[in-house]
Amino acid sequence: MSVTGLGHFDGKVHVLPIRVYYEDTDLSGVVYHANYLRFMERARTEFFRLAGVTKMADLESAEPTAWAIREVRASYLRSARVDDTLTVRTTLAAISGARIEAVQKIYAGDNLLMDGWIQACIITLTGRPRRLPQSLRDLLTPFLVETDT
């Protein structure tokens, strides 16, 4: 089964358009703050898919593993509203032995709405961290951009 990703790369930056639906908002029509994290998660998943990563978890191996968020930072600058078209821009900022870091910015047009940063790692289902497999590192390294995080 072939998996294709959504969005596109602008150089090394992944760009994912997202429409704000009523379900993403509170009663006033403003995007609920936690949904920005969901938009970031979708964008990272699509970044991985377009980079050639076909499995977000390895549940069939002798020691099943999955991605986990270790740390997240988010600065909310402006609000998005129902029916807005947003753009999530994801930049891979660092790869270490067991972690990746990504800078993610959410825009409505040219207006920066949210400035985010995540650190993710691969863990076993019992919560122990594991080194990033070399095959994964090989797929992601071409997209690495040195940034000031």
N, C-alpha and C. Protein backbone atom coordinates (compact mmCIF):
# COMPACT_ATOMS: atom_id res chain seq x y z
N MET A 1 0.84 -1.18 0.00
CA MET A 1 0.00 0.00 0.00
C MET A 1 0.89 1.25 0.00
N SER A 2 0.70 2.11 -0.93
CA SER A 2 1.47 3.34 -1.04
C SER A 2 0.75 4.47 -0.28
N VAL A 3 1.52 5.18 0.54
CA VAL A 3 0.95 6.29 1.30
C VAL A 3 1.54 7.58 0.73
N THR A 4 0.68 8.50 0.37
CA THR A 4 1.15 9.78 -0.11
C THR A 4 0.78 10.85 0.91
N GLY A 5 1.57 11.90 0.95
CA GLY A 5 1.33 12.96 1.91
C GLY A 5 0.59 14.13 1.29
N LEU A 6 0.03 14.93 2.16
CA LEU A 6 -0.67 16.15 1.74
C LEU A 6 0.25 17.35 1.91
N GLY A 7 -0.10 18.42 1.26
CA GLY A 7 0.73 19.62 1.31
C GLY A 7 1.88 19.51 0.32
N HIS A 8 2.90 20.33 0.54
CA HIS A 8 4.06 20.31 -0.35
C HIS A 8 5.26 20.89 0.38
N PHE A 9 6.43 20.68 -0.20
CA PHE A 9 7.64 21.28 0.33
C PHE A 9 7.96 22.55 -0.44
N ASP A 10 8.29 23.60 0.30
CA ASP A 10 8.82 24.85 -0.24
C ASP A 10 10.28 24.85 0.20
N GLY A 11 11.16 24.32 -0.66
CA GLY A 11 12.53 24.06 -0.23
C GLY A 11 12.48 22.92 0.77
N LYS A 12 12.96 23.17 1.98
CA LYS A 12 12.95 22.15 3.03
C LYS A 12 11.80 22.33 4.02
N VAL A 13 10.96 23.32 3.78
CA VAL A 13 9.85 23.63 4.68
C VAL A 13 8.58 22.98 4.14
N HIS A 14 7.91 22.20 4.98
CA HIS A 14 6.65 21.59 4.58
C HIS A 14 5.53 22.59 4.81
N VAL A 15 4.63 22.70 3.83
CA VAL A 15 3.51 23.64 3.88
C VAL A 15 2.22 22.85 3.77
N LEU A 16 1.35 22.98 4.78
CA LEU A 16 0.07 22.27 4.77
C LEU A 16 -1.07 23.26 4.94
N PRO A 17 -1.95 23.37 3.93
CA PRO A 17 -3.14 24.22 4.10
C PRO A 17 -4.19 23.49 4.92
N ILE A 18 -4.86 24.23 5.79
CA ILE A 18 -5.92 23.67 6.64
C ILE A 18 -7.08 24.65 6.65
N ARG A 19 -8.27 24.14 6.51
CA ARG A 19 -9.49 24.95 6.62
C ARG A 19 -9.99 24.85 8.05
N VAL A 20 -10.42 25.97 8.62
CA VAL A 20 -11.00 25.96 9.96
C VAL A 20 -12.49 25.64 9.83
N TYR A 21 -12.90 24.55 10.48
CA TYR A 21 -14.29 24.15 10.50
C TYR A 21 -14.95 24.58 11.81
N TYR A 22 -16.25 24.59 11.81
CA TYR A 22 -17.00 24.97 13.00
C TYR A 22 -16.57 24.12 14.20
N GLU A 23 -16.30 22.84 13.99
CA GLU A 23 -15.90 21.94 15.08
C GLU A 23 -14.57 22.33 15.71
N ASP A 24 -13.77 23.15 15.02
CA ASP A 24 -12.47 23.60 15.55
C ASP A 24 -12.60 24.81 16.46
N THR A 25 -13.80 25.38 16.55
CA THR A 25 -13.97 26.66 17.24
C THR A 25 -14.76 26.52 18.53
N ASP A 26 -14.70 27.60 19.31
CA ASP A 26 -15.56 27.69 20.49
C ASP A 26 -16.86 28.36 20.07
N LEU A 27 -17.69 28.70 21.03
CA LEU A 27 -19.00 29.28 20.69
C LEU A 27 -18.92 30.61 19.96
N SER A 28 -17.79 31.31 20.11
CA SER A 28 -17.66 32.61 19.46
C SER A 28 -17.12 32.52 18.04
N GLY A 29 -16.81 31.29 17.57
CA GLY A 29 -16.28 31.12 16.22
C GLY A 29 -14.77 31.26 16.14
N VAL A 30 -14.09 31.36 17.28
CA VAL A 30 -12.63 31.46 17.34
C VAL A 30 -12.06 30.06 17.58
N VAL A 31 -10.95 29.75 16.92
CA VAL A 31 -10.34 28.43 17.08
C VAL A 31 -9.93 28.22 18.53
N TYR A 32 -10.37 27.09 19.08
CA TYR A 32 -10.03 26.69 20.45
C TYR A 32 -8.52 26.44 20.52
N HIS A 33 -7.86 26.91 21.57
CA HIS A 33 -6.40 26.91 21.64
C HIS A 33 -5.77 25.52 21.43
N ALA A 34 -6.36 24.46 21.96
CA ALA A 34 -5.78 23.12 21.81
C ALA A 34 -5.81 22.63 20.36
N ASN A 35 -6.70 23.18 19.55
CA ASN A 35 -6.78 22.73 18.16
C ASN A 35 -5.57 23.16 17.33
N TYR A 36 -4.88 24.22 17.74
CA TYR A 36 -3.65 24.58 17.05
C TYR A 36 -2.63 23.44 17.17
N LEU A 37 -2.59 22.77 18.34
CA LEU A 37 -1.70 21.63 18.52
C LEU A 37 -2.11 20.48 17.61
N ARG A 38 -3.40 20.31 17.40
CA ARG A 38 -3.88 19.27 16.47
C ARG A 38 -3.46 19.61 15.04
N PHE A 39 -3.55 20.89 14.67
CA PHE A 39 -3.12 21.31 13.33
C PHE A 39 -1.62 21.03 13.16
N MET A 40 -0.83 21.30 14.21
CA MET A 40 0.61 21.03 14.16
C MET A 40 0.87 19.53 14.00
N GLU A 41 0.12 18.71 14.71
CA GLU A 41 0.28 17.25 14.61
C GLU A 41 -0.01 16.77 13.19
N ARG A 42 -1.09 17.25 12.61
CA ARG A 42 -1.42 16.87 11.23
C ARG A 42 -0.29 17.26 10.28
N ALA A 43 0.24 18.46 10.47
CA ALA A 43 1.31 18.94 9.59
C ALA A 43 2.57 18.11 9.73
N ARG A 44 2.94 17.74 10.96
CA ARG A 44 4.12 16.89 11.15
C ARG A 44 3.92 15.52 10.50
N THR A 45 2.72 14.96 10.62
CA THR A 45 2.43 13.67 10.00
C THR A 45 2.58 13.76 8.49
N GLU A 46 2.04 14.82 7.89
CA GLU A 46 2.13 14.98 6.43
C GLU A 46 3.56 15.29 5.99
N PHE A 47 4.32 16.02 6.81
CA PHE A 47 5.75 16.24 6.56
C PHE A 47 6.44 14.88 6.45
N PHE A 48 6.22 14.01 7.46
CA PHE A 48 6.84 12.70 7.46
C PHE A 48 6.45 11.90 6.22
N ARG A 49 5.18 11.91 5.89
CA ARG A 49 4.72 11.13 4.73
C ARG A 49 5.41 11.59 3.45
N LEU A 50 5.46 12.90 3.24
CA LEU A 50 6.10 13.40 2.02
C LEU A 50 7.61 13.18 2.04
N ALA A 51 8.19 13.05 3.22
CA ALA A 51 9.63 12.76 3.34
C ALA A 51 9.92 11.28 3.14
N GLY A 52 8.87 10.45 3.03
CA GLY A 52 9.06 9.03 2.77
C GLY A 52 8.85 8.13 3.97
N VAL A 53 8.47 8.69 5.11
CA VAL A 53 8.21 7.88 6.30
C VAL A 53 6.79 7.33 6.17
N THR A 54 6.67 6.02 6.07
CA THR A 54 5.36 5.42 5.82
C THR A 54 4.68 4.89 7.07
N LYS A 55 5.43 4.76 8.18
CA LYS A 55 4.84 4.25 9.41
C LYS A 55 5.09 5.25 10.54
N MET A 56 4.02 5.67 11.19
CA MET A 56 4.15 6.59 12.32
C MET A 56 4.39 5.83 13.62
N ALA A 57 4.18 4.53 13.60
CA ALA A 57 4.44 3.66 14.75
C ALA A 57 4.85 2.30 14.21
N ASP A 58 5.63 1.58 15.00
CA ASP A 58 6.03 0.23 14.64
C ASP A 58 5.47 -0.71 15.70
N LEU A 59 4.24 -1.14 15.49
CA LEU A 59 3.55 -1.95 16.49
C LEU A 59 3.70 -3.45 16.25
N GLU A 60 4.29 -3.85 15.12
CA GLU A 60 4.43 -5.27 14.80
C GLU A 60 5.77 -5.86 15.20
N SER A 61 6.72 -5.04 15.58
CA SER A 61 8.06 -5.57 15.89
C SER A 61 8.07 -6.24 17.27
N ALA A 62 9.19 -6.89 17.58
CA ALA A 62 9.34 -7.55 18.88
C ALA A 62 9.23 -6.54 20.03
N GLU A 63 9.70 -5.31 19.79
CA GLU A 63 9.57 -4.24 20.77
C GLU A 63 8.83 -3.08 20.10
N PRO A 64 7.50 -3.05 20.19
CA PRO A 64 6.72 -2.01 19.53
C PRO A 64 7.12 -0.61 20.00
N THR A 65 7.13 0.34 19.07
CA THR A 65 7.48 1.73 19.38
C THR A 65 6.51 2.68 18.71
N ALA A 66 6.49 3.90 19.21
CA ALA A 66 5.65 4.96 18.64
C ALA A 66 6.28 6.30 18.97
N TRP A 67 5.89 7.32 18.22
CA TRP A 67 6.33 8.68 18.50
C TRP A 67 5.61 9.22 19.72
N ALA A 68 6.31 10.05 20.48
CA ALA A 68 5.73 10.74 21.62
C ALA A 68 6.27 12.16 21.66
N ILE A 69 5.44 13.09 22.07
CA ILE A 69 5.88 14.47 22.23
C ILE A 69 6.52 14.59 23.61
N ARG A 70 7.74 15.08 23.64
CA ARG A 70 8.47 15.25 24.90
C ARG A 70 8.27 16.65 25.45
N GLU A 71 8.22 17.63 24.55
CA GLU A 71 8.07 19.02 24.98
C GLU A 71 7.43 19.81 23.85
N VAL A 72 6.60 20.78 24.23
CA VAL A 72 5.98 21.66 23.24
C VAL A 72 5.97 23.08 23.79
N ARG A 73 6.22 24.02 22.91
CA ARG A 73 6.09 25.45 23.24
C ARG A 73 5.17 26.08 22.20
N ALA A 74 4.31 26.94 22.67
CA ALA A 74 3.38 27.59 21.75
C ALA A 74 3.15 29.03 22.18
N SER A 75 3.29 29.92 21.24
CA SER A 75 2.95 31.33 21.46
C SER A 75 1.78 31.66 20.55
N TYR A 76 0.67 32.02 21.18
CA TYR A 76 -0.54 32.36 20.44
C TYR A 76 -0.53 33.87 20.22
N LEU A 77 -0.50 34.29 18.96
CA LEU A 77 -0.35 35.70 18.63
C LEU A 77 -1.64 36.35 18.15
N ARG A 78 -2.41 35.61 17.37
CA ARG A 78 -3.69 36.09 16.83
C ARG A 78 -4.65 34.92 16.74
N SER A 79 -5.91 35.20 16.64
CA SER A 79 -6.92 34.15 16.57
C SER A 79 -7.32 33.84 15.14
N ALA A 80 -7.56 32.56 14.91
CA ALA A 80 -8.17 32.13 13.65
C ALA A 80 -9.66 31.95 13.91
N ARG A 81 -10.44 32.07 12.84
CA ARG A 81 -11.89 31.98 12.97
C ARG A 81 -12.45 30.97 11.98
N VAL A 82 -13.68 30.59 12.22
CA VAL A 82 -14.34 29.61 11.38
C VAL A 82 -14.27 30.07 9.91
N ASP A 83 -14.01 29.12 9.02
CA ASP A 83 -13.88 29.29 7.58
C ASP A 83 -12.55 29.90 7.12
N ASP A 84 -11.66 30.29 8.05
CA ASP A 84 -10.34 30.76 7.65
C ASP A 84 -9.57 29.63 6.97
N THR A 85 -8.72 29.99 6.03
CA THR A 85 -7.76 29.05 5.46
C THR A 85 -6.42 29.33 6.12
N LEU A 86 -5.87 28.33 6.77
CA LEU A 86 -4.60 28.48 7.47
C LEU A 86 -3.51 27.74 6.71
N THR A 87 -2.29 28.09 7.00
CA THR A 87 -1.13 27.41 6.46
C THR A 87 -0.23 27.05 7.63
N VAL A 88 0.10 25.78 7.74
CA VAL A 88 1.04 25.33 8.77
C VAL A 88 2.37 25.07 8.07
N ARG A 89 3.40 25.78 8.51
CA ARG A 89 4.74 25.63 7.95
C ARG A 89 5.61 24.91 8.97
N THR A 90 6.14 23.74 8.58
CA THR A 90 6.92 22.89 9.47
C THR A 90 8.35 22.82 8.99
N THR A 91 9.27 23.11 9.90
CA THR A 91 10.70 23.06 9.62
C THR A 91 11.35 22.09 10.60
N LEU A 92 12.08 21.12 10.09
CA LEU A 92 12.83 20.20 10.93
C LEU A 92 14.09 20.93 11.39
N ALA A 93 14.19 21.20 12.70
CA ALA A 93 15.25 22.05 13.24
C ALA A 93 16.42 21.27 13.82
N ALA A 94 16.20 20.02 14.25
CA ALA A 94 17.30 19.25 14.85
C ALA A 94 16.96 17.76 14.84
N ILE A 95 18.01 16.97 14.70
CA ILE A 95 17.90 15.52 14.85
C ILE A 95 19.04 15.11 15.76
N SER A 96 18.73 14.44 16.85
CA SER A 96 19.77 13.91 17.73
C SER A 96 19.62 12.39 17.78
N GLY A 97 20.33 11.76 18.67
CA GLY A 97 20.29 10.31 18.76
C GLY A 97 18.90 9.75 18.95
N ALA A 98 18.11 10.42 19.81
CA ALA A 98 16.79 9.88 20.15
C ALA A 98 15.65 10.87 19.93
N ARG A 99 15.95 12.07 19.43
CA ARG A 99 14.91 13.10 19.34
C ARG A 99 14.98 13.87 18.03
N ILE A 100 13.83 14.47 17.72
CA ILE A 100 13.79 15.47 16.66
C ILE A 100 13.17 16.73 17.25
N GLU A 101 13.50 17.86 16.65
CA GLU A 101 12.86 19.12 17.00
C GLU A 101 12.31 19.74 15.73
N ALA A 102 11.13 20.32 15.85
CA ALA A 102 10.50 20.97 14.71
C ALA A 102 9.98 22.33 15.12
N VAL A 103 10.14 23.30 14.25
CA VAL A 103 9.55 24.62 14.41
C VAL A 103 8.31 24.64 13.52
N GLN A 104 7.19 25.05 14.10
CA GLN A 104 5.95 25.08 13.34
C GLN A 104 5.26 26.42 13.53
N LYS A 105 4.89 27.02 12.41
CA LYS A 105 4.24 28.32 12.42
C LYS A 105 2.91 28.20 11.68
N ILE A 106 1.88 28.77 12.26
CA ILE A 106 0.56 28.73 11.65
C ILE A 106 0.19 30.14 11.22
N TYR A 107 -0.18 30.27 9.95
CA TYR A 107 -0.50 31.57 9.36
C TYR A 107 -1.93 31.58 8.83
N ALA A 108 -2.51 32.76 8.82
CA ALA A 108 -3.72 33.06 8.04
C ALA A 108 -3.27 34.14 7.06
N GLY A 109 -3.09 33.76 5.81
CA GLY A 109 -2.49 34.70 4.86
C GLY A 109 -1.07 34.99 5.29
N ASP A 110 -0.72 36.29 5.41
CA ASP A 110 0.61 36.69 5.87
C ASP A 110 0.67 36.90 7.37
N ASN A 111 -0.44 36.72 8.07
CA ASN A 111 -0.50 36.96 9.51
C ASN A 111 -0.10 35.72 10.30
N LEU A 112 0.95 35.84 11.11
CA LEU A 112 1.38 34.75 11.97
C LEU A 112 0.42 34.66 13.15
N LEU A 113 -0.23 33.49 13.28
CA LEU A 113 -1.19 33.27 14.36
C LEU A 113 -0.56 32.56 15.55
N MET A 114 0.28 31.59 15.26
CA MET A 114 0.89 30.80 16.31
C MET A 114 2.30 30.43 15.93
N ASP A 115 3.20 30.55 16.89
CA ASP A 115 4.59 30.19 16.72
C ASP A 115 4.86 29.02 17.66
N GLY A 116 5.18 27.85 17.12
CA GLY A 116 5.33 26.67 17.95
C GLY A 116 6.65 25.96 17.75
N TRP A 117 6.98 25.12 18.73
CA TRP A 117 8.18 24.30 18.71
C TRP A 117 7.86 23.00 19.42
N ILE A 118 8.30 21.88 18.86
CA ILE A 118 8.10 20.60 19.53
C ILE A 118 9.40 19.82 19.56
N GLN A 119 9.49 18.97 20.56
CA GLN A 119 10.55 17.97 20.62
C GLN A 119 9.84 16.63 20.73
N ALA A 120 10.16 15.72 19.83
CA ALA A 120 9.51 14.42 19.81
C ALA A 120 10.57 13.33 19.88
N CYS A 121 10.18 12.18 20.40
CA CYS A 121 11.09 11.05 20.47
C CYS A 121 10.30 9.77 20.17
N ILE A 122 11.04 8.70 19.98
CA ILE A 122 10.42 7.39 19.79
C ILE A 122 10.55 6.64 21.11
N ILE A 123 9.43 6.08 21.57
CA ILE A 123 9.42 5.34 22.82
C ILE A 123 8.81 3.96 22.61
N THR A 124 9.13 3.05 23.54
CA THR A 124 8.47 1.75 23.56
C THR A 124 7.09 1.96 24.16
N LEU A 125 6.26 0.96 24.07
CA LEU A 125 4.92 1.08 24.64
C LEU A 125 4.93 1.10 26.17
N THR A 126 6.10 0.80 26.76
CA THR A 126 6.25 0.93 28.21
C THR A 126 6.87 2.26 28.60
N GLY A 127 7.13 3.12 27.59
CA GLY A 127 7.60 4.48 27.87
C GLY A 127 9.10 4.69 27.83
N ARG A 128 9.88 3.68 27.44
CA ARG A 128 11.34 3.86 27.37
C ARG A 128 11.74 4.43 26.02
N PRO A 129 12.62 5.46 26.04
CA PRO A 129 13.07 6.05 24.77
C PRO A 129 13.95 5.09 23.99
N ARG A 130 13.92 5.23 22.67
CA ARG A 130 14.75 4.45 21.77
C ARG A 130 15.44 5.38 20.79
N ARG A 131 16.62 4.98 20.34
CA ARG A 131 17.33 5.77 19.33
C ARG A 131 16.53 5.79 18.04
N LEU A 132 16.66 6.87 17.30
CA LEU A 132 16.01 6.93 15.99
C LEU A 132 16.68 5.92 15.07
N PRO A 133 15.91 5.10 14.39
CA PRO A 133 16.52 4.14 13.46
C PRO A 133 17.27 4.89 12.35
N GLN A 134 18.37 4.29 11.89
CA GLN A 134 19.18 4.92 10.85
C GLN A 134 18.36 5.15 9.58
N SER A 135 17.46 4.23 9.27
CA SER A 135 16.63 4.41 8.06
C SER A 135 15.77 5.67 8.18
N LEU A 136 15.23 5.94 9.35
CA LEU A 136 14.44 7.14 9.58
C LEU A 136 15.33 8.38 9.50
N ARG A 137 16.48 8.32 10.13
CA ARG A 137 17.44 9.43 10.09
C ARG A 137 17.83 9.75 8.64
N ASP A 138 18.03 8.71 7.84
CA ASP A 138 18.40 8.91 6.43
C ASP A 138 17.29 9.61 5.65
N LEU A 139 16.03 9.30 5.96
CA LEU A 139 14.91 9.95 5.27
C LEU A 139 14.75 11.40 5.69
N LEU A 140 14.99 11.71 6.96
CA LEU A 140 14.72 13.05 7.47
C LEU A 140 15.88 14.03 7.31
N THR A 141 17.11 13.55 7.34
CA THR A 141 18.28 14.44 7.30
C THR A 141 18.28 15.42 6.12
N PRO A 142 17.86 15.02 4.91
CA PRO A 142 17.86 15.99 3.81
C PRO A 142 16.95 17.20 4.06
N PHE A 143 16.01 17.10 5.00
CA PHE A 143 15.09 18.19 5.27
C PHE A 143 15.50 19.04 6.47
N LEU A 144 16.63 18.71 7.09
CA LEU A 144 17.09 19.42 8.27
C LEU A 144 17.52 20.84 7.92
N VAL A 145 17.01 21.79 8.68
CA VAL A 145 17.36 23.20 8.51
C VAL A 145 17.85 23.72 9.85
N GLU A 146 19.03 24.27 9.89
CA GLU A 146 19.53 24.84 11.15
C GLU A 146 18.75 26.10 11.46
N THR A 147 18.15 26.14 12.65
CA THR A 147 17.37 27.30 13.07
C THR A 147 17.77 27.70 14.47
N ASP A 148 17.36 28.88 14.87
CA ASP A 148 17.50 29.32 16.25
C ASP A 148 16.23 28.98 16.98
N THR A 149 16.24 27.89 17.77
CA THR A 149 15.04 27.48 18.48
C THR A 149 15.00 28.01 19.88
